[in-house]
N, C-alpha and C. Protein backbone atom coordinates (compact mmCIF):
# COMPACT_ATOMS: atom_id res chain seq x y z
N LEU A 1 109.39 109.52 99.82
CA LEU A 1 110.13 110.34 98.87
C LEU A 1 110.88 111.47 99.57
N VAL A 2 110.23 112.04 100.58
CA VAL A 2 110.89 113.11 101.32
C VAL A 2 112.14 112.56 102.02
N TRP A 3 112.01 111.39 102.62
CA TRP A 3 113.14 110.80 103.33
C TRP A 3 114.31 110.57 102.37
N VAL A 4 114.05 110.01 101.19
CA VAL A 4 115.10 109.77 100.21
C VAL A 4 115.72 111.10 99.77
N GLY A 5 114.86 112.09 99.49
CA GLY A 5 115.36 113.40 99.08
C GLY A 5 116.23 114.04 100.14
N LEU A 6 115.79 113.96 101.39
CA LEU A 6 116.57 114.57 102.47
C LEU A 6 117.89 113.84 102.68
N GLN A 7 117.90 112.52 102.50
CA GLN A 7 119.15 111.78 102.61
C GLN A 7 120.15 112.22 101.53
N LEU A 8 119.64 112.46 100.33
CA LEU A 8 120.51 112.92 99.25
C LEU A 8 121.01 114.34 99.50
N LEU A 9 120.16 115.19 100.07
CA LEU A 9 120.55 116.57 100.35
C LEU A 9 121.45 116.68 101.57
N ARG A 10 121.32 115.76 102.49
CA ARG A 10 122.02 115.84 103.77
C ARG A 10 123.52 115.58 103.64
N GLU A 11 123.91 114.61 102.86
CA GLU A 11 125.31 114.21 102.82
C GLU A 11 125.89 114.15 101.41
N PRO A 12 125.75 115.19 100.59
CA PRO A 12 126.31 115.08 99.24
C PRO A 12 127.84 115.06 99.23
N THR A 13 128.49 115.73 100.19
CA THR A 13 129.95 115.73 100.20
C THR A 13 130.49 114.40 100.70
N ALA A 14 129.78 113.73 101.60
CA ALA A 14 130.22 112.41 102.07
C ALA A 14 130.16 111.40 100.95
N VAL A 15 129.16 111.53 100.08
CA VAL A 15 129.04 110.61 98.95
C VAL A 15 130.22 110.79 98.01
N ALA A 16 130.61 112.04 97.77
CA ALA A 16 131.72 112.30 96.85
C ALA A 16 133.04 111.81 97.42
N GLY A 17 133.21 111.81 98.74
CA GLY A 17 134.46 111.40 99.35
C GLY A 17 134.56 109.92 99.66
N ALA A 18 133.45 109.21 99.65
CA ALA A 18 133.46 107.79 100.00
C ALA A 18 133.90 106.94 98.82
N THR A 19 134.40 105.76 99.15
CA THR A 19 134.77 104.84 98.08
C THR A 19 133.52 104.16 97.53
N ALA A 20 133.65 103.68 96.32
CA ALA A 20 132.51 103.00 95.69
C ALA A 20 132.12 101.75 96.47
N GLN A 21 133.10 101.06 97.04
CA GLN A 21 132.80 99.84 97.78
C GLN A 21 132.03 100.14 99.06
N GLN A 22 132.39 101.24 99.75
CA GLN A 22 131.66 101.61 100.97
C GLN A 22 130.21 101.93 100.65
N TRP A 23 129.99 102.75 99.64
CA TRP A 23 128.61 103.13 99.30
C TRP A 23 127.87 101.99 98.62
N GLY A 24 128.60 101.15 97.88
CA GLY A 24 127.95 100.02 97.23
C GLY A 24 127.31 99.07 98.22
N ARG A 25 128.03 98.77 99.31
CA ARG A 25 127.47 97.90 100.34
C ARG A 25 126.25 98.53 100.99
N ARG A 26 126.34 99.80 101.31
CA ARG A 26 125.21 100.49 101.96
C ARG A 26 123.99 100.51 101.04
N TRP A 27 124.22 100.87 99.79
CA TRP A 27 123.09 100.95 98.85
C TRP A 27 122.51 99.57 98.57
N PHE A 28 123.35 98.55 98.53
CA PHE A 28 122.84 97.20 98.31
C PHE A 28 121.92 96.79 99.46
N ARG A 29 122.35 97.03 100.70
CA ARG A 29 121.51 96.68 101.86
C ARG A 29 120.20 97.45 101.82
N GLN A 30 120.26 98.74 101.50
CA GLN A 30 119.04 99.54 101.46
C GLN A 30 118.11 99.07 100.34
N ALA A 31 118.67 98.80 99.17
CA ALA A 31 117.85 98.35 98.05
C ALA A 31 117.22 96.99 98.34
N LEU A 32 117.98 96.10 98.97
CA LEU A 32 117.44 94.79 99.33
C LEU A 32 116.29 94.93 100.32
N LEU A 33 116.46 95.77 101.32
CA LEU A 33 115.42 95.98 102.32
C LEU A 33 114.17 96.59 101.69
N VAL A 34 114.35 97.58 100.85
CA VAL A 34 113.20 98.22 100.19
C VAL A 34 112.51 97.23 99.27
N GLY A 35 113.28 96.47 98.52
CA GLY A 35 112.70 95.49 97.60
C GLY A 35 111.91 94.40 98.31
N MET A 36 112.43 93.93 99.43
CA MET A 36 111.76 92.86 100.17
C MET A 36 110.50 93.34 100.88
N LEU A 37 110.48 94.60 101.28
CA LEU A 37 109.36 95.12 102.04
C LEU A 37 108.43 96.02 101.22
N ASN A 38 108.59 96.03 99.91
CA ASN A 38 107.79 96.89 99.04
C ASN A 38 106.38 96.32 98.90
N PRO A 39 105.40 96.94 99.53
CA PRO A 39 104.04 96.38 99.46
C PRO A 39 103.44 96.47 98.06
N LYS A 40 103.85 97.46 97.27
CA LYS A 40 103.31 97.56 95.91
C LYS A 40 103.74 96.37 95.07
N ALA A 41 104.98 95.96 95.19
CA ALA A 41 105.46 94.82 94.42
C ALA A 41 104.76 93.54 94.85
N ILE A 42 104.59 93.37 96.15
CA ILE A 42 103.92 92.17 96.66
C ILE A 42 102.47 92.13 96.17
N LEU A 43 101.77 93.24 96.24
CA LEU A 43 100.38 93.28 95.76
C LEU A 43 100.30 93.11 94.25
N PHE A 44 101.26 93.68 93.53
CA PHE A 44 101.26 93.52 92.07
C PHE A 44 101.37 92.04 91.69
N PHE A 45 102.32 91.34 92.29
CA PHE A 45 102.49 89.93 91.95
C PHE A 45 101.31 89.10 92.40
N ALA A 46 100.73 89.44 93.53
CA ALA A 46 99.54 88.70 93.98
C ALA A 46 98.39 88.90 93.00
N ALA A 47 98.22 90.11 92.49
CA ALA A 47 97.14 90.39 91.54
C ALA A 47 97.49 89.88 90.14
N PHE A 48 98.74 89.92 89.78
CA PHE A 48 99.17 89.54 88.43
C PHE A 48 99.12 88.04 88.21
N PHE A 49 99.65 87.27 89.13
CA PHE A 49 99.74 85.83 88.95
C PHE A 49 98.38 85.15 88.90
N VAL A 50 97.42 85.60 89.68
CA VAL A 50 96.14 84.90 89.73
C VAL A 50 95.36 85.00 88.43
N GLN A 51 95.71 85.93 87.58
CA GLN A 51 95.02 86.06 86.29
C GLN A 51 95.39 84.94 85.33
N PHE A 52 96.53 84.31 85.53
CA PHE A 52 97.03 83.33 84.59
C PHE A 52 96.96 81.89 85.09
N VAL A 53 96.59 81.71 86.32
CA VAL A 53 96.54 80.37 86.89
C VAL A 53 95.16 80.15 87.51
N HIS A 54 94.52 79.05 87.15
CA HIS A 54 93.22 78.72 87.70
C HIS A 54 93.39 77.77 88.89
N PRO A 55 92.59 77.95 89.95
CA PRO A 55 92.74 77.09 91.13
C PRO A 55 92.47 75.61 90.85
N ASP A 56 91.69 75.32 89.83
CA ASP A 56 91.35 73.93 89.51
C ASP A 56 92.42 73.24 88.68
N ASP A 57 93.39 73.97 88.24
CA ASP A 57 94.44 73.42 87.38
C ASP A 57 95.27 72.37 88.15
N PRO A 58 95.43 71.18 87.59
CA PRO A 58 96.21 70.15 88.30
C PRO A 58 97.71 70.48 88.37
N HIS A 59 98.17 71.40 87.54
CA HIS A 59 99.59 71.80 87.53
C HIS A 59 99.76 73.20 88.10
N LEU A 60 99.01 73.49 89.13
CA LEU A 60 98.99 74.84 89.71
C LEU A 60 100.39 75.32 90.10
N TRP A 61 101.12 74.54 90.87
CA TRP A 61 102.42 74.98 91.38
C TRP A 61 103.47 75.04 90.28
N SER A 62 103.40 74.15 89.30
CA SER A 62 104.36 74.23 88.20
C SER A 62 104.10 75.47 87.35
N ASN A 63 102.81 75.82 87.18
CA ASN A 63 102.49 77.05 86.44
C ASN A 63 102.97 78.29 87.19
N PHE A 64 102.78 78.31 88.50
CA PHE A 64 103.32 79.41 89.30
C PHE A 64 104.84 79.47 89.16
N GLY A 65 105.48 78.32 89.17
CA GLY A 65 106.93 78.27 89.03
C GLY A 65 107.41 78.82 87.70
N VAL A 66 106.71 78.45 86.62
CA VAL A 66 107.08 78.96 85.29
C VAL A 66 106.92 80.47 85.24
N LEU A 67 105.81 80.97 85.76
CA LEU A 67 105.61 82.42 85.79
C LEU A 67 106.67 83.13 86.62
N ALA A 68 107.03 82.54 87.73
CA ALA A 68 108.06 83.14 88.59
C ALA A 68 109.41 83.18 87.88
N VAL A 69 109.75 82.11 87.17
CA VAL A 69 111.03 82.07 86.44
C VAL A 69 111.03 83.11 85.33
N ILE A 70 109.93 83.22 84.61
CA ILE A 70 109.84 84.22 83.54
C ILE A 70 110.00 85.63 84.11
N MET A 71 109.32 85.91 85.20
CA MET A 71 109.42 87.25 85.82
C MET A 71 110.84 87.51 86.32
N GLN A 72 111.49 86.51 86.86
CA GLN A 72 112.86 86.69 87.35
C GLN A 72 113.83 86.91 86.19
N CYS A 73 113.63 86.25 85.08
CA CYS A 73 114.48 86.47 83.90
C CYS A 73 114.32 87.88 83.36
N ILE A 74 113.08 88.34 83.28
CA ILE A 74 112.83 89.71 82.83
C ILE A 74 113.45 90.70 83.80
N SER A 75 113.27 90.46 85.08
CA SER A 75 113.83 91.34 86.10
C SER A 75 115.35 91.35 86.06
N ALA A 76 115.96 90.18 85.89
CA ALA A 76 117.42 90.10 85.85
C ALA A 76 117.97 90.84 84.63
N ALA A 77 117.31 90.70 83.48
CA ALA A 77 117.77 91.41 82.29
C ALA A 77 117.65 92.92 82.47
N TYR A 78 116.55 93.37 83.03
CA TYR A 78 116.34 94.80 83.27
C TYR A 78 117.38 95.33 84.27
N LEU A 79 117.55 94.63 85.38
CA LEU A 79 118.48 95.10 86.41
C LEU A 79 119.93 95.02 85.94
N ALA A 80 120.27 94.04 85.12
CA ALA A 80 121.63 93.98 84.58
C ALA A 80 121.91 95.19 83.69
N THR A 81 120.91 95.62 82.94
CA THR A 81 121.06 96.82 82.11
C THR A 81 121.23 98.05 82.98
N VAL A 82 120.41 98.18 84.01
CA VAL A 82 120.52 99.32 84.92
C VAL A 82 121.90 99.34 85.60
N ILE A 83 122.37 98.18 86.04
CA ILE A 83 123.67 98.09 86.70
C ILE A 83 124.79 98.47 85.73
N ALA A 84 124.74 97.97 84.51
CA ALA A 84 125.79 98.26 83.53
C ALA A 84 125.85 99.75 83.22
N VAL A 85 124.70 100.36 82.99
CA VAL A 85 124.67 101.80 82.70
C VAL A 85 125.11 102.61 83.91
N SER A 86 124.63 102.22 85.09
CA SER A 86 125.01 102.94 86.31
C SER A 86 126.50 102.82 86.59
N ALA A 87 127.07 101.64 86.38
CA ALA A 87 128.50 101.45 86.62
C ALA A 87 129.32 102.32 85.67
N ARG A 88 128.91 102.38 84.43
CA ARG A 88 129.64 103.21 83.46
C ARG A 88 129.54 104.68 83.83
N LEU A 89 128.33 105.14 84.17
CA LEU A 89 128.17 106.54 84.57
C LEU A 89 128.92 106.84 85.86
N GLY A 90 128.87 105.90 86.81
CA GLY A 90 129.58 106.08 88.07
C GLY A 90 131.08 106.15 87.87
N HIS A 91 131.59 105.32 86.97
CA HIS A 91 133.03 105.33 86.70
C HIS A 91 133.44 106.67 86.09
N ARG A 92 132.64 107.19 85.20
CA ARG A 92 132.96 108.49 84.58
C ARG A 92 132.87 109.63 85.59
N ALA A 93 131.94 109.53 86.52
CA ALA A 93 131.74 110.62 87.49
C ALA A 93 132.67 110.52 88.69
N SER A 94 133.36 109.39 88.85
CA SER A 94 134.15 109.18 90.06
C SER A 94 135.28 110.20 90.22
N GLY A 95 135.82 110.71 89.16
CA GLY A 95 136.89 111.69 89.25
C GLY A 95 136.41 113.12 89.34
N ARG A 96 135.11 113.30 89.42
CA ARG A 96 134.53 114.65 89.44
C ARG A 96 133.61 114.80 90.65
N PRO A 97 134.17 115.14 91.81
CA PRO A 97 133.34 115.25 93.01
C PRO A 97 132.27 116.34 92.90
N GLY A 98 132.54 117.40 92.17
CA GLY A 98 131.54 118.45 91.98
C GLY A 98 130.32 117.94 91.23
N LEU A 99 130.55 117.09 90.26
CA LEU A 99 129.45 116.51 89.49
C LEU A 99 128.61 115.59 90.37
N VAL A 100 129.27 114.79 91.21
CA VAL A 100 128.56 113.88 92.11
C VAL A 100 127.71 114.68 93.10
N ILE A 101 128.30 115.71 93.69
CA ILE A 101 127.57 116.54 94.64
C ILE A 101 126.38 117.21 93.96
N GLY A 102 126.61 117.77 92.78
CA GLY A 102 125.53 118.43 92.04
C GLY A 102 124.40 117.46 91.68
N ALA A 103 124.77 116.25 91.26
CA ALA A 103 123.75 115.26 90.91
C ALA A 103 122.91 114.89 92.13
N HIS A 104 123.56 114.74 93.29
CA HIS A 104 122.81 114.42 94.50
C HIS A 104 121.92 115.57 94.94
N LEU A 105 122.39 116.79 94.79
CA LEU A 105 121.56 117.95 95.14
C LEU A 105 120.34 118.05 94.22
N VAL A 106 120.56 117.85 92.92
CA VAL A 106 119.44 117.91 91.97
C VAL A 106 118.45 116.78 92.25
N ALA A 107 118.95 115.56 92.45
CA ALA A 107 118.07 114.42 92.69
C ALA A 107 117.32 114.59 94.01
N GLY A 108 118.00 115.05 95.06
CA GLY A 108 117.35 115.25 96.36
C GLY A 108 116.27 116.30 96.29
N THR A 109 116.56 117.39 95.59
CA THR A 109 115.55 118.44 95.42
C THR A 109 114.36 117.93 94.62
N ALA A 110 114.63 117.16 93.57
CA ALA A 110 113.54 116.62 92.75
C ALA A 110 112.65 115.68 93.56
N PHE A 111 113.27 114.82 94.37
CA PHE A 111 112.47 113.91 95.21
C PHE A 111 111.59 114.69 96.18
N CYS A 112 112.16 115.71 96.83
CA CYS A 112 111.38 116.51 97.79
C CYS A 112 110.24 117.25 97.10
N LEU A 113 110.52 117.85 95.96
CA LEU A 113 109.47 118.57 95.23
C LEU A 113 108.37 117.63 94.74
N PHE A 114 108.77 116.46 94.27
CA PHE A 114 107.78 115.49 93.82
C PHE A 114 106.91 115.02 94.99
N ALA A 115 107.52 114.84 96.16
CA ALA A 115 106.76 114.43 97.34
C ALA A 115 105.74 115.52 97.73
N ILE A 116 106.16 116.77 97.65
CA ILE A 116 105.24 117.88 97.95
C ILE A 116 104.11 117.91 96.93
N LYS A 117 104.43 117.70 95.66
CA LYS A 117 103.39 117.68 94.62
C LYS A 117 102.38 116.55 94.87
N LEU A 118 102.90 115.36 95.21
CA LEU A 118 102.00 114.24 95.49
C LEU A 118 101.14 114.49 96.74
N ALA A 119 101.75 115.07 97.76
CA ALA A 119 101.01 115.32 99.00
C ALA A 119 99.94 116.37 98.81
N SER A 120 100.17 117.31 97.90
CA SER A 120 99.20 118.38 97.71
C SER A 120 98.17 118.07 96.62
N ALA A 121 98.30 116.94 95.95
CA ALA A 121 97.35 116.57 94.90
C ALA A 121 96.02 116.20 95.51
N SER A 122 94.96 116.59 94.83
CA SER A 122 93.63 116.24 95.32
C SER A 122 93.23 114.88 94.76
N PHE A 123 92.48 114.16 95.54
CA PHE A 123 92.08 112.80 95.14
C PHE A 123 90.75 112.85 94.49
């Protein structure tokens, strides 16, 4: 969280001056890397799927396949909504560099503060 917050705080003016295509490619690569290497997601699916499929089931792989397709459909619908809302907000903010810079400063500060709160929480 600190790393993400510092990245947002470090270059808010570069974000406002860059084209959407330049930042879109960078963010896509970063999101893909984070998504593929996210241990929480991997552990969630490992723990989630085994609850619905029994090892003795003769249709084990087809059941896994059905669950995977259902999860991908839910994920695609959710992400399509996020993309549509983000694109609309991004289009509205594209002509206002001050708004973009301010949003990045607020988000970066929030990430850093949240990281400090999590680090200082007692277990």
